[in-house]
Amino acid sequence: MSKRKSTDKRDPEDVEMASHEEDNDDSGSDGDMEDIINVDFEFFDPKDIDFHAVKNLLNQYFASDAILFGLSELSELIVSQSNVGTTIKVNGVESDPYSLLTVLNMNQHLYNIHKVANATTEAGSASSATPATPATPKPSQAMTQIRDYVFTKSKQNEKLHAKLKELLSAGSKKEVGLILSERFINMPVETAPPMWRMMLEEVKWAIDEGLPFNFEYYLLMCPTYHEVAPKVDLDEDTPKPAKKKTKVTEPATFFFHPEEEMLQQYAEFTQDFKLTTPPTVAESKNTFEDYGIAPARRMMLIHKDKIPEVVQLMTNNSQW
């Protein structure tokens, strides 16, 4: 499969965050001058050289629950799948990615259901062999861990739980794509729509070439947070006002990735859940909870027909 990102690196439609630096040194005081660094974002396929950086992004994505998964194996699945998936870099192909968006076939990596079917084309001739998505020689332990994790976290929602059990069973004819999306916190949201458009294009190309990306549903575990009482305030010696009985209301949920808030409008099932593993002492220094933000996750199961609609909505969003 010819990959436009590998050859051209950037599309004309891809995002460029232009500088707004003032050219006139006499335009005013330092406080009045805008000094914004000009950054060109380059879009690449995941590569072997990205292994450690991808693993770090996954560690950030799963947060304190990262210890529950084989991130090395999961990172290897991502970087070995060059036909679908995008990274963003700012210092050329050899640099570390700042952002990642990819989709993995859960059914394939759980049961290797396409290992033989993708060895050749439908004509079955050796001369017309099509390169297959790398298949593990045995069921992926990392994907098995993720499957068991979503089974556990979906138990609060009986319909979602039953649907996942059906879709991720060994004999399922409908396959699930696990979308993994993570980026550095200072990456602009404007970089998200081009990545989603690329993913849709690549999935279509992969299906056209007989590769196992014909998903019926897409599964996401979106990073979210809600506001809580700041721990830093509780540690202070200032007097606390007397507590009053108030009506308990569900805290509002916010998304770390704004584009994923759009996805929930098209989700067939959603379920909020807390992380299983409490942060260690060292990790807790880097969490938002001390400042009144408690991280969580929102699981979404979205039918394939809805994904193009939401990507179009992302692209047309005038607020970005």
C-alpha atoms as a PDB file:
ATOM      1  CA  MET A   1       0.000   0.000   0.000  1.00  0.00           C
ATOM      2  CA  SER A   2       1.407   3.371  -0.999  1.00  0.00           C
ATOM      3  CA  LYS A   3       1.443   5.666   1.998  1.00  0.00           C
ATOM      4  CA  ARG A   4       1.153   9.366   1.397  1.00  0.00           C
ATOM      5  CA  LYS A   5       2.479  10.256   4.849  1.00  0.00           C
ATOM      6  CA  SER A   6       5.659   8.267   4.366  1.00  0.00           C
ATOM      7  CA  THR A   7       6.501   9.998   1.100  1.00  0.00           C
ATOM      8  CA  ASP A   8       5.016  13.477   1.331  1.00  0.00           C
ATOM      9  CA  LYS A   9       5.177  13.744   5.132  1.00  0.00           C
ATOM     10  CA  ARG A  10       2.537  16.466   5.142  1.00  0.00           C
ATOM     11  CA  ASP A  11      -0.593  17.083   3.127  1.00  0.00           C
ATOM     12  CA  PRO A  12      -1.597  20.553   1.982  1.00  0.00           C
ATOM     13  CA  GLU A  13      -4.644  20.155   4.207  1.00  0.00           C
ATOM     14  CA  ASP A  14      -2.579  19.177   7.241  1.00  0.00           C
ATOM     15  CA  VAL A  15      -2.314  21.585  10.117  1.00  0.00           C
ATOM     16  CA  GLU A  16       0.340  24.253  10.280  1.00  0.00           C
ATOM     17  CA  MET A  17       0.338  26.453  13.361  1.00  0.00           C
ATOM     18  CA  ALA A  18       1.510  29.744  11.928  1.00  0.00           C
ATOM     19  CA  SER A  19       3.466  32.311  13.884  1.00  0.00           C
ATOM     20  CA  HIS A  20       1.975  35.659  14.828  1.00  0.00           C
ATOM     21  CA  GLU A  21       5.317  37.272  15.653  1.00  0.00           C
ATOM     22  CA  GLU A  22       5.550  41.000  15.143  1.00  0.00           C
ATOM     23  CA  ASP A  23       8.025  41.957  12.434  1.00  0.00           C
ATOM     24  CA  ASN A  24       8.258  45.546  13.574  1.00  0.00           C
ATOM     25  CA  ASP A  25      10.597  45.929  16.531  1.00  0.00           C
ATOM     26  CA  ASP A  26       9.135  49.374  17.251  1.00  0.00           C
ATOM     27  CA  SER A  27       5.557  48.140  17.564  1.00  0.00           C
ATOM     28  CA  GLY A  28       5.401  48.635  21.313  1.00  0.00           C
ATOM     29  CA  SER A  29       6.631  47.434  24.646  1.00  0.00           C
ATOM     30  CA  ASP A  30       7.590  43.829  25.344  1.00  0.00           C
ATOM     31  CA  GLY A  31       4.254  43.274  27.054  1.00  0.00           C
ATOM     32  CA  ASP A  32       2.375  44.280  23.910  1.00  0.00           C
ATOM     33  CA  MET A  33       4.337  42.047  21.544  1.00  0.00           C
ATOM     34  CA  GLU A  34       3.196  38.592  20.616  1.00  0.00           C
ATOM     35  CA  ASP A  35       6.038  36.097  20.443  1.00  0.00           C
ATOM     36  CA  ILE A  36       4.651  32.794  19.176  1.00  0.00           C
ATOM     37  CA  ILE A  37       6.986  30.115  17.886  1.00  0.00           C
ATOM     38  CA  ASN A  38       6.263  28.864  14.388  1.00  0.00           C
ATOM     39  CA  VAL A  39       5.818  25.071  14.417  1.00  0.00           C
ATOM     40  CA  ASP A  40       5.346  22.757  11.444  1.00  0.00           C
ATOM     41  CA  PHE A  41       3.674  19.461  12.317  1.00  0.00           C
ATOM     42  CA  GLU A  42       4.641  16.482  10.174  1.00  0.00           C
ATOM     43  CA  PHE A  43       2.458  13.397   9.910  1.00  0.00           C
ATOM     44  CA  PHE A  44       4.102   9.971   9.718  1.00  0.00           C
ATOM     45  CA  ASP A  45       3.245   6.291   9.877  1.00  0.00           C
ATOM     46  CA  PRO A  46       4.215   4.585  13.146  1.00  0.00           C
ATOM     47  CA  LYS A  47       7.738   3.183  12.813  1.00  0.00           C
ATOM     48  CA  ASP A  48       9.996   0.863  14.797  1.00  0.00           C
ATOM     49  CA  ILE A  49      12.025   3.861  15.906  1.00  0.00           C
ATOM     50  CA  ASP A  50       8.895   5.166  17.677  1.00  0.00           C
ATOM     51  CA  PHE A  51       8.591   2.150  19.990  1.00  0.00           C
ATOM     52  CA  HIS A  52       9.731   3.813  23.228  1.00  0.00           C
ATOM     53  CA  ALA A  53       7.910   7.082  22.538  1.00  0.00           C
ATOM     54  CA  VAL A  54       4.695   5.199  21.723  1.00  0.00           C
ATOM     55  CA  LYS A  55       5.072   3.219  24.939  1.00  0.00           C
ATOM     56  CA  ASN A  56       5.404   6.487  26.860  1.00  0.00           C
ATOM     57  CA  LEU A  57       2.243   7.837  25.224  1.00  0.00           C
ATOM     58  CA  LEU A  58       0.391   4.639  26.139  1.00  0.00           C
ATOM     59  CA  ASN A  59       1.637   4.950  29.694  1.00  0.00           C
ATOM     60  CA  GLN A  60       0.168   8.446  29.761  1.00  0.00           C
ATOM     61  CA  TYR A  61      -3.064   7.223  28.142  1.00  0.00           C
ATOM     62  CA  PHE A  62      -3.725   4.434  30.642  1.00  0.00           C
ATOM     63  CA  ALA A  63      -2.453   6.563  33.559  1.00  0.00           C
ATOM     64  CA  SER A  64      -2.169   4.651  36.850  1.00  0.00           C
ATOM     65  CA  ASP A  65      -3.803   1.581  35.247  1.00  0.00           C
ATOM     66  CA  ALA A  66      -0.891   1.253  32.802  1.00  0.00           C
ATOM     67  CA  ILE A  67       0.625  -1.394  35.088  1.00  0.00           C
ATOM     68  CA  LEU A  68      -2.315  -3.674  34.245  1.00  0.00           C
ATOM     69  CA  PHE A  69      -1.311  -4.003  30.590  1.00  0.00           C
ATOM     70  CA  GLY A  70       1.646  -5.273  28.619  1.00  0.00           C
ATOM     71  CA  LEU A  71       2.548  -1.928  27.089  1.00  0.00           C
ATOM     72  CA  SER A  72       5.662  -3.253  25.371  1.00  0.00           C
ATOM     73  CA  GLU A  73       3.622  -5.781  23.412  1.00  0.00           C
ATOM     74  CA  LEU A  74       0.911  -3.225  22.693  1.00  0.00           C
ATOM     75  CA  SER A  75       3.518  -0.734  21.456  1.00  0.00           C
ATOM     76  CA  GLU A  76       4.968  -3.413  19.185  1.00  0.00           C
ATOM     77  CA  LEU A  77       1.530  -4.068  17.676  1.00  0.00           C
ATOM     78  CA  ILE A  78       1.188  -0.349  16.936  1.00  0.00           C
ATOM     79  CA  VAL A  79       4.591   0.296  15.354  1.00  0.00           C
ATOM     80  CA  SER A  80       4.462  -2.914  13.302  1.00  0.00           C
ATOM     81  CA  GLN A  81       1.103  -1.867  11.813  1.00  0.00           C
ATOM     82  CA  SER A  82       2.282   0.683   9.264  1.00  0.00           C
ATOM     83  CA  ASN A  83      -0.823   0.519   7.055  1.00  0.00           C
ATOM     84  CA  VAL A  84      -3.130   2.255   9.577  1.00  0.00           C
ATOM     85  CA  GLY A  85      -2.079   4.779  12.185  1.00  0.00           C
ATOM     86  CA  THR A  86      -0.564   8.250  12.413  1.00  0.00           C
ATOM     87  CA  THR A  87       2.031  10.019  14.529  1.00  0.00           C
ATOM     88  CA  ILE A  88       2.850  13.712  14.606  1.00  0.00           C
ATOM     89  CA  LYS A  89       6.446  14.912  14.865  1.00  0.00           C
ATOM     90  CA  VAL A  90       8.065  18.328  14.723  1.00  0.00           C
ATOM     91  CA  ASN A  91      11.740  17.507  14.110  1.00  0.00           C
ATOM     92  CA  GLY A  92      11.646  15.004  11.264  1.00  0.00           C
ATOM     93  CA  VAL A  93      11.098  11.295  10.981  1.00  0.00           C
ATOM     94  CA  GLU A  94      13.867  10.393  13.446  1.00  0.00           C
ATOM     95  CA  SER A  95      12.351  12.455  16.276  1.00  0.00           C
ATOM     96  CA  ASP A  96       9.857  11.296  18.890  1.00  0.00           C
ATOM     97  CA  PRO A  97       6.134  11.628  18.143  1.00  0.00           C
ATOM     98  CA  TYR A  98       4.135  14.194  20.070  1.00  0.00           C
ATOM     99  CA  SER A  99       0.806  12.618  19.156  1.00  0.00           C
ATOM    100  CA  LEU A 100      -0.586   9.206  18.216  1.00  0.00           C
ATOM    101  CA  LEU A 101      -3.839   7.980  16.700  1.00  0.00           C
ATOM    102  CA  THR A 102      -4.313   4.381  15.621  1.00  0.00           C
ATOM    103  CA  VAL A 103      -6.847   1.564  15.595  1.00  0.00           C
ATOM    104  CA  LEU A 104      -6.179  -2.112  16.331  1.00  0.00           C
ATOM    105  CA  ASN A 105      -8.365  -5.069  15.418  1.00  0.00           C
ATOM    106  CA  MET A 106      -9.254  -6.543  18.809  1.00  0.00           C
ATOM    107  CA  ASN A 107     -10.717  -9.754  17.367  1.00  0.00           C
ATOM    108  CA  GLN A 108      -7.656 -10.423  15.237  1.00  0.00           C
ATOM    109  CA  HIS A 109      -5.185  -9.944  18.059  1.00  0.00           C
ATOM    110  CA  LEU A 110      -7.335 -11.972  20.426  1.00  0.00           C
ATOM    111  CA  TYR A 111      -7.933 -14.950  18.136  1.00  0.00           C
ATOM    112  CA  ASN A 112      -5.733 -14.524  15.014  1.00  0.00           C
ATOM    113  CA  ILE A 113      -8.835 -14.986  12.894  1.00  0.00           C
ATOM    114  CA  HIS A 114      -7.233 -13.448   9.776  1.00  0.00           C
ATOM    115  CA  LYS A 115      -3.805 -15.062   9.982  1.00  0.00           C
ATOM    116  CA  VAL A 116      -4.397 -17.421   7.033  1.00  0.00           C
ATOM    117  CA  ALA A 117      -7.045 -15.452   5.150  1.00  0.00           C
ATOM    118  CA  ASN A 118      -4.713 -12.510   4.537  1.00  0.00           C
ATOM    119  CA  ALA A 119      -1.696 -14.503   3.375  1.00  0.00           C
ATOM    120  CA  THR A 120      -2.750 -14.147  -0.270  1.00  0.00           C
ATOM    121  CA  THR A 121      -5.276 -12.293  -2.330  1.00  0.00           C
ATOM    122  CA  GLU A 122      -8.674 -13.725  -3.155  1.00  0.00           C
ATOM    123  CA  ALA A 123      -7.182 -15.261  -6.295  1.00  0.00           C
ATOM    124  CA  GLY A 124      -4.948 -17.285  -4.026  1.00  0.00           C
ATOM    125  CA  SER A 125      -1.854 -16.927  -6.178  1.00  0.00           C
ATOM    126  CA  ALA A 126       1.564 -16.543  -4.591  1.00  0.00           C
ATOM    127  CA  SER A 127       2.565 -13.953  -7.189  1.00  0.00           C
ATOM    128  CA  SER A 128      -0.247 -11.632  -6.095  1.00  0.00           C
ATOM    129  CA  ALA A 129       0.419 -11.869  -2.379  1.00  0.00           C
ATOM    130  CA  THR A 130      -0.766  -8.938  -0.276  1.00  0.00           C
ATOM    131  CA  PRO A 131       1.235  -7.908   2.785  1.00  0.00           C
ATOM    132  CA  ALA A 132      -0.867  -8.732   5.821  1.00  0.00           C
ATOM    133  CA  THR A 133      -1.198  -6.805   9.013  1.00  0.00           C
ATOM    134  CA  PRO A 134       1.357  -8.366  11.381  1.00  0.00           C
ATOM    135  CA  ALA A 135      -0.338 -11.154  13.325  1.00  0.00           C
ATOM    136  CA  THR A 136       0.988 -12.443  16.600  1.00  0.00           C
ATOM    137  CA  PRO A 137       1.849 -16.183  16.627  1.00  0.00           C
ATOM    138  CA  LYS A 138      -0.471 -16.627  19.580  1.00  0.00           C
ATOM    139  CA  PRO A 139      -3.283 -14.537  21.088  1.00  0.00           C
ATOM    140  CA  SER A 140      -1.996 -11.174  22.245  1.00  0.00           C
ATOM    141  CA  GLN A 141      -1.676 -11.042  26.009  1.00  0.00           C
ATOM    142  CA  ALA A 142      -1.941  -7.256  25.980  1.00  0.00           C
ATOM    143  CA  MET A 143      -5.180  -7.353  23.985  1.00  0.00           C
ATOM    144  CA  THR A 144      -6.542 -10.069  26.265  1.00  0.00           C
ATOM    145  CA  GLN A 145      -5.813  -7.803  29.222  1.00  0.00           C
ATOM    146  CA  ILE A 146      -7.623  -4.908  27.542  1.00  0.00           C
ATOM    147  CA  ARG A 147     -10.604  -7.129  26.700  1.00  0.00           C
ATOM    148  CA  ASP A 148     -10.889  -8.306  30.320  1.00  0.00           C
ATOM    149  CA  TYR A 149     -10.506  -4.713  31.500  1.00  0.00           C
ATOM    150  CA  VAL A 150     -13.391  -3.412  29.369  1.00  0.00           C
ATOM    151  CA  PHE A 151     -15.504  -6.388  30.409  1.00  0.00           C
ATOM    152  CA  THR A 152     -14.958  -5.457  34.054  1.00  0.00           C
ATOM    153  CA  LYS A 153     -15.503  -1.729  33.558  1.00  0.00           C
ATOM    154  CA  SER A 154     -18.679  -2.222  31.500  1.00  0.00           C
ATOM    155  CA  LYS A 155     -20.492  -4.338  34.096  1.00  0.00           C
ATOM    156  CA  GLN A 156     -22.356  -1.286  35.379  1.00  0.00           C
ATOM    157  CA  ASN A 157     -24.029  -1.003  31.990  1.00  0.00           C
ATOM    158  CA  GLU A 158     -25.759  -4.312  31.271  1.00  0.00           C
ATOM    159  CA  LYS A 159     -26.500  -3.571  27.615  1.00  0.00           C
ATOM    160  CA  LEU A 160     -22.981  -2.399  26.861  1.00  0.00           C
ATOM    161  CA  HIS A 161     -21.488  -5.347  28.743  1.00  0.00           C
ATOM    162  CA  ALA A 162     -23.627  -7.839  26.817  1.00  0.00           C
ATOM    163  CA  LYS A 163     -22.765  -6.171  23.511  1.00  0.00           C
ATOM    164  CA  LEU A 164     -19.030  -6.303  24.203  1.00  0.00           C
ATOM    165  CA  LYS A 165     -19.276  -9.942  25.256  1.00  0.00           C
ATOM    166  CA  GLU A 166     -21.015 -10.706  21.969  1.00  0.00           C
ATOM    167  CA  LEU A 167     -18.650  -8.699  19.750  1.00  0.00           C
ATOM    168  CA  LEU A 168     -15.448  -9.924  21.408  1.00  0.00           C
ATOM    169  CA  SER A 169     -16.368 -13.605  21.528  1.00  0.00           C
ATOM    170  CA  ALA A 170     -14.256 -16.104  19.605  1.00  0.00           C
ATOM    171  CA  GLY A 171     -16.961 -16.767  17.012  1.00  0.00           C
ATOM    172  CA  SER A 172     -18.064 -13.175  16.432  1.00  0.00           C
ATOM    173  CA  LYS A 173     -18.546 -12.186  12.791  1.00  0.00           C
ATOM    174  CA  LYS A 174     -18.550  -8.505  13.719  1.00  0.00           C
ATOM    175  CA  GLU A 175     -15.165  -7.071  14.616  1.00  0.00           C
ATOM    176  CA  VAL A 176     -14.170  -4.245  16.940  1.00  0.00           C
ATOM    177  CA  GLY A 177     -11.520  -1.620  16.312  1.00  0.00           C
ATOM    178  CA  LEU A 178      -9.798  -0.330  19.448  1.00  0.00           C
ATOM    179  CA  ILE A 179      -8.968   3.346  18.906  1.00  0.00           C
ATOM    180  CA  LEU A 180      -5.945   4.601  20.843  1.00  0.00           C
ATOM    181  CA  SER A 181      -5.523   8.368  20.839  1.00  0.00           C
ATOM    182  CA  GLU A 182      -3.018  10.269  22.960  1.00  0.00           C
ATOM    183  CA  ARG A 183      -0.906  13.397  22.666  1.00  0.00           C
ATOM    184  CA  PHE A 184       1.200  15.766  24.701  1.00  0.00           C
ATOM    185  CA  ILE A 185      -0.928  18.102  26.757  1.00  0.00           C
ATOM    186  CA  ASN A 186       0.306  21.180  24.879  1.00  0.00           C
ATOM    187  CA  MET A 187      -0.524  19.802  21.425  1.00  0.00           C
ATOM    188  CA  PRO A 188      -3.203  21.970  19.768  1.00  0.00           C
ATOM    189  CA  VAL A 189      -6.591  20.384  19.216  1.00  0.00           C
ATOM    190  CA  GLU A 190      -6.448  21.552  15.583  1.00  0.00           C
ATOM    191  CA  THR A 191      -4.141  18.608  14.882  1.00  0.00           C
ATOM    192  CA  ALA A 192      -6.889  16.088  15.712  1.00  0.00           C
ATOM    193  CA  PRO A 193      -9.230  16.373  12.672  1.00  0.00           C
ATOM    194  CA  PRO A 194      -6.478  15.657  10.084  1.00  0.00           C
ATOM    195  CA  MET A 195      -5.432  12.562  12.050  1.00  0.00           C
ATOM    196  CA  TRP A 196      -9.002  11.259  12.154  1.00  0.00           C
ATOM    197  CA  ARG A 197      -9.442  11.900   8.433  1.00  0.00           C
ATOM    198  CA  MET A 198      -6.240   9.997   7.719  1.00  0.00           C
ATOM    199  CA  MET A 199      -7.395   7.091   9.841  1.00  0.00           C
ATOM    200  CA  LEU A 200     -10.665   6.826   7.916  1.00  0.00           C
ATOM    201  CA  GLU A 201      -8.818   6.946   4.588  1.00  0.00           C
ATOM    202  CA  GLU A 202      -6.340   4.304   5.684  1.00  0.00           C
ATOM    203  CA  VAL A 203      -9.045   1.995   6.987  1.00  0.00           C
ATOM    204  CA  LYS A 204     -10.782   2.251   3.608  1.00  0.00           C
ATOM    205  CA  TRP A 205      -7.528   1.510   1.755  1.00  0.00           C
ATOM    206  CA  ALA A 206      -6.831  -1.446   4.021  1.00  0.00           C
ATOM    207  CA  ILE A 207     -10.302  -2.896   3.443  1.00  0.00           C
ATOM    208  CA  ASP A 208      -9.871  -2.454  -0.325  1.00  0.00           C
ATOM    209  CA  GLU A 209      -6.656  -4.495  -0.109  1.00  0.00           C
ATOM    210  CA  GLY A 210      -8.311  -7.277   1.861  1.00  0.00           C
ATOM    211  CA  LEU A 211      -6.739  -6.415   5.222  1.00  0.00           C
ATOM    212  CA  PRO A 212      -8.679  -6.972   8.464  1.00  0.00           C
ATOM    213  CA  PHE A 213      -9.966  -3.477   9.165  1.00  0.00           C
ATOM    214  CA  ASN A 214     -13.645  -3.914   8.298  1.00  0.00           C
ATOM    215  CA  PHE A 215     -14.870  -3.033  11.770  1.00  0.00           C
ATOM    216  CA  GLU A 216     -18.514  -3.061  12.734  1.00  0.00           C
ATOM    217  CA  TYR A 217     -17.834  -1.031  15.882  1.00  0.00           C
ATOM    218  CA  TYR A 218     -15.118   1.185  17.300  1.00  0.00           C
ATOM    219  CA  LEU A 219     -14.240   1.136  21.005  1.00  0.00           C
ATOM    220  CA  LEU A 220     -12.664   4.041  22.860  1.00  0.00           C
ATOM    221  CA  MET A 221     -11.677   4.709  26.458  1.00  0.00           C
ATOM    222  CA  CYS A 222     -11.530   8.488  26.495  1.00  0.00           C
ATOM    223  CA  PRO A 223      -9.565  10.307  29.229  1.00  0.00           C
ATOM    224  CA  THR A 224     -11.951  12.471  31.248  1.00  0.00           C
ATOM    225  CA  TYR A 225     -11.999  14.323  34.544  1.00  0.00           C
ATOM    226  CA  HIS A 226     -14.415  15.912  36.980  1.00  0.00           C
ATOM    227  CA  GLU A 227     -13.976  18.542  39.617  1.00  0.00           C
ATOM    228  CA  VAL A 228     -13.425  17.586  43.241  1.00  0.00           C
ATOM    229  CA  ALA A 229     -12.414  19.406  46.396  1.00  0.00           C
ATOM    230  CA  PRO A 230      -8.734  20.348  46.015  1.00  0.00           C
ATOM    231  CA  LYS A 231      -6.468  18.371  48.284  1.00  0.00           C
ATOM    232  CA  VAL A 232      -4.024  21.253  48.547  1.00  0.00           C
ATOM    233  CA  ASP A 233      -6.702  23.302  50.319  1.00  0.00           C
ATOM    234  CA  LEU A 234      -7.336  20.526  52.807  1.00  0.00           C
ATOM    235  CA  ASP A 235      -3.677  20.517  53.765  1.00  0.00           C
ATOM    236  CA  GLU A 236      -3.692  24.179  54.734  1.00  0.00           C
ATOM    237  CA  ASP A 237      -4.097  25.323  58.333  1.00  0.00           C
ATOM    238  CA  THR A 238      -6.752  27.896  57.506  1.00  0.00           C
ATOM    239  CA  PRO A 239     -10.072  27.476  59.344  1.00  0.00           C
ATOM    240  CA  LYS A 240     -12.715  25.578  57.410  1.00  0.00           C
ATOM    241  CA  PRO A 241     -16.320  26.811  57.304  1.00  0.00           C
ATOM    242  CA  ALA A 242     -18.932  24.632  58.932  1.00  0.00           C
ATOM    243  CA  LYS A 243     -20.316  22.018  56.593  1.00  0.00           C
ATOM    244  CA  LYS A 244     -23.870  22.448  55.395  1.00  0.00           C
ATOM    245  CA  LYS A 245     -26.119  19.711  54.186  1.00  0.00           C
ATOM    246  CA  THR A 246     -26.440  20.038  50.442  1.00  0.00           C
ATOM    247  CA  LYS A 247     -28.166  18.019  47.789  1.00  0.00           C
ATOM    248  CA  VAL A 248     -25.731  15.581  46.184  1.00  0.00           C
ATOM    249  CA  THR A 249     -25.456  16.034  42.415  1.00  0.00           C
ATOM    250  CA  GLU A 250     -23.407  14.153  39.875  1.00  0.00           C
ATOM    251  CA  PRO A 251     -20.239  16.103  39.009  1.00  0.00           C
ATOM    252  CA  ALA A 252     -19.933  17.308  35.432  1.00  0.00           C
ATOM    253  CA  THR A 253     -17.589  15.288  33.237  1.00  0.00           C
ATOM    254  CA  PHE A 254     -15.017  17.011  31.036  1.00  0.00           C
ATOM    255  CA  PHE A 255     -12.807  15.613  28.275  1.00  0.00           C
ATOM    256  CA  PHE A 256      -9.052  16.048  28.076  1.00  0.00           C
ATOM    257  CA  HIS A 257      -9.385  15.766  24.271  1.00  0.00           C
ATOM    258  CA  PRO A 258     -12.149  18.161  23.096  1.00  0.00           C
ATOM    259  CA  GLU A 259     -12.789  16.217  19.874  1.00  0.00           C
ATOM    260  CA  GLU A 260     -13.815  13.168  21.902  1.00  0.00           C
ATOM    261  CA  GLU A 261     -16.701  15.127  23.396  1.00  0.00           C
ATOM    262  CA  MET A 262     -18.144  15.152  19.885  1.00  0.00           C
ATOM    263  CA  LEU A 263     -17.792  11.390  19.634  1.00  0.00           C
ATOM    264  CA  GLN A 264     -20.160  10.776  22.533  1.00  0.00           C
ATOM    265  CA  GLN A 265     -23.018  12.319  20.563  1.00  0.00           C
ATOM    266  CA  TYR A 266     -22.751   9.398  18.111  1.00  0.00           C
ATOM    267  CA  ALA A 267     -21.963   6.595  20.553  1.00  0.00           C
ATOM    268  CA  GLU A 268     -24.409   3.703  20.792  1.00  0.00           C
ATOM    269  CA  PHE A 269     -23.230   2.986  24.330  1.00  0.00           C
ATOM    270  CA  THR A 270     -21.254   4.992  26.885  1.00  0.00           C
ATOM    271  CA  GLN A 271     -20.066   4.235  30.400  1.00  0.00           C
ATOM    272  CA  ASP A 272     -17.988   6.268  32.832  1.00  0.00           C
ATOM    273  CA  PHE A 273     -15.573   4.435  35.075  1.00  0.00           C
ATOM    274  CA  LYS A 274     -12.825   5.107  37.586  1.00  0.00           C
ATOM    275  CA  LEU A 275      -9.268   3.918  37.250  1.00  0.00           C
ATOM    276  CA  THR A 276      -8.541   0.703  39.123  1.00  0.00           C
ATOM    277  CA  THR A 277      -5.066   1.466  40.400  1.00  0.00           C
ATOM    278  CA  PRO A 278      -4.405   4.367  42.788  1.00  0.00           C
ATOM    279  CA  PRO A 279      -1.394   6.476  41.835  1.00  0.00           C
ATOM    280  CA  THR A 280       1.867   5.845  43.632  1.00  0.00           C
ATOM    281  CA  VAL A 281       3.385   8.527  45.853  1.00  0.00           C
ATOM    282  CA  ALA A 282       5.641   9.664  43.017  1.00  0.00           C
ATOM    283  CA  GLU A 283       2.797   9.693  40.471  1.00  0.00           C
ATOM    284  CA  SER A 284       0.436  11.548  42.775  1.00  0.00           C
ATOM    285  CA  LYS A 285       2.674  14.604  42.555  1.00  0.00           C
ATOM    286  CA  ASN A 286       1.866  14.783  38.868  1.00  0.00           C
ATOM    287  CA  THR A 287      -1.874  14.191  39.065  1.00  0.00           C
ATOM    288  CA  PHE A 288      -4.526  16.882  38.815  1.00  0.00           C
ATOM    289  CA  GLU A 289      -6.423  15.668  41.865  1.00  0.00           C
ATOM    290  CA  ASP A 290      -4.385  17.862  44.205  1.00  0.00           C
ATOM    291  CA  TYR A 291      -5.759  20.847  42.333  1.00  0.00           C
ATOM    292  CA  GLY A 292      -9.399  19.808  42.224  1.00  0.00           C
ATOM    293  CA  ILE A 293      -9.474  17.517  39.174  1.00  0.00           C
ATOM    294  CA  ALA A 294     -10.063  13.757  39.407  1.00  0.00           C
ATOM    295  CA  PRO A 295      -9.105  11.767  36.275  1.00  0.00           C
ATOM    296  CA  ALA A 296     -11.436   9.034  34.988  1.00  0.00           C
ATOM    297  CA  ARG A 297     -12.451   7.417  31.697  1.00  0.00           C
ATOM    298  CA  ARG A 298     -15.531   7.265  29.475  1.00  0.00           C
ATOM    299  CA  MET A 299     -15.946   4.097  27.441  1.00  0.00           C
ATOM    300  CA  MET A 300     -17.689   4.552  24.092  1.00  0.00           C
ATOM    301  CA  LEU A 301     -18.874   2.002  21.557  1.00  0.00           C
ATOM    302  CA  ILE A 302     -19.618   3.628  18.201  1.00  0.00           C
ATOM    303  CA  HIS A 303     -21.000   1.998  15.061  1.00  0.00           C
ATOM    304  CA  LYS A 304     -18.825   2.332  11.966  1.00  0.00           C
ATOM    305  CA  ASP A 305     -21.495   4.301  10.082  1.00  0.00           C
ATOM    306  CA  LYS A 306     -21.282   7.134  12.616  1.00  0.00           C
ATOM    307  CA  ILE A 307     -17.536   7.712  12.481  1.00  0.00           C
ATOM    308  CA  PRO A 308     -17.481   9.629   9.150  1.00  0.00           C
ATOM    309  CA  GLU A 309     -20.219  11.920  10.468  1.00  0.00           C
ATOM    310  CA  VAL A 310     -18.324  12.844  13.613  1.00  0.00           C
ATOM    311  CA  VAL A 311     -15.052  13.340  11.713  1.00  0.00           C
ATOM    312  CA  GLN A 312     -16.857  15.746   9.406  1.00  0.00           C
ATOM    313  CA  LEU A 313     -18.186  17.546  12.473  1.00  0.00           C
ATOM    314  CA  MET A 314     -14.641  17.826  13.841  1.00  0.00           C
ATOM    315  CA  THR A 315     -13.419  19.236  10.522  1.00  0.00           C
ATOM    316  CA  ASN A 316     -16.185  21.825  10.343  1.00  0.00           C
ATOM    317  CA  ASN A 317     -15.896  22.981  13.940  1.00  0.00           C
ATOM    318  CA  SER A 318     -15.388  26.731  13.737  1.00  0.00           C
ATOM    319  CA  GLN A 319     -14.223  26.945  17.363  1.00  0.00           C
ATOM    320  CA  TRP A 320     -10.870  25.318  16.508  1.00  0.00           C
END
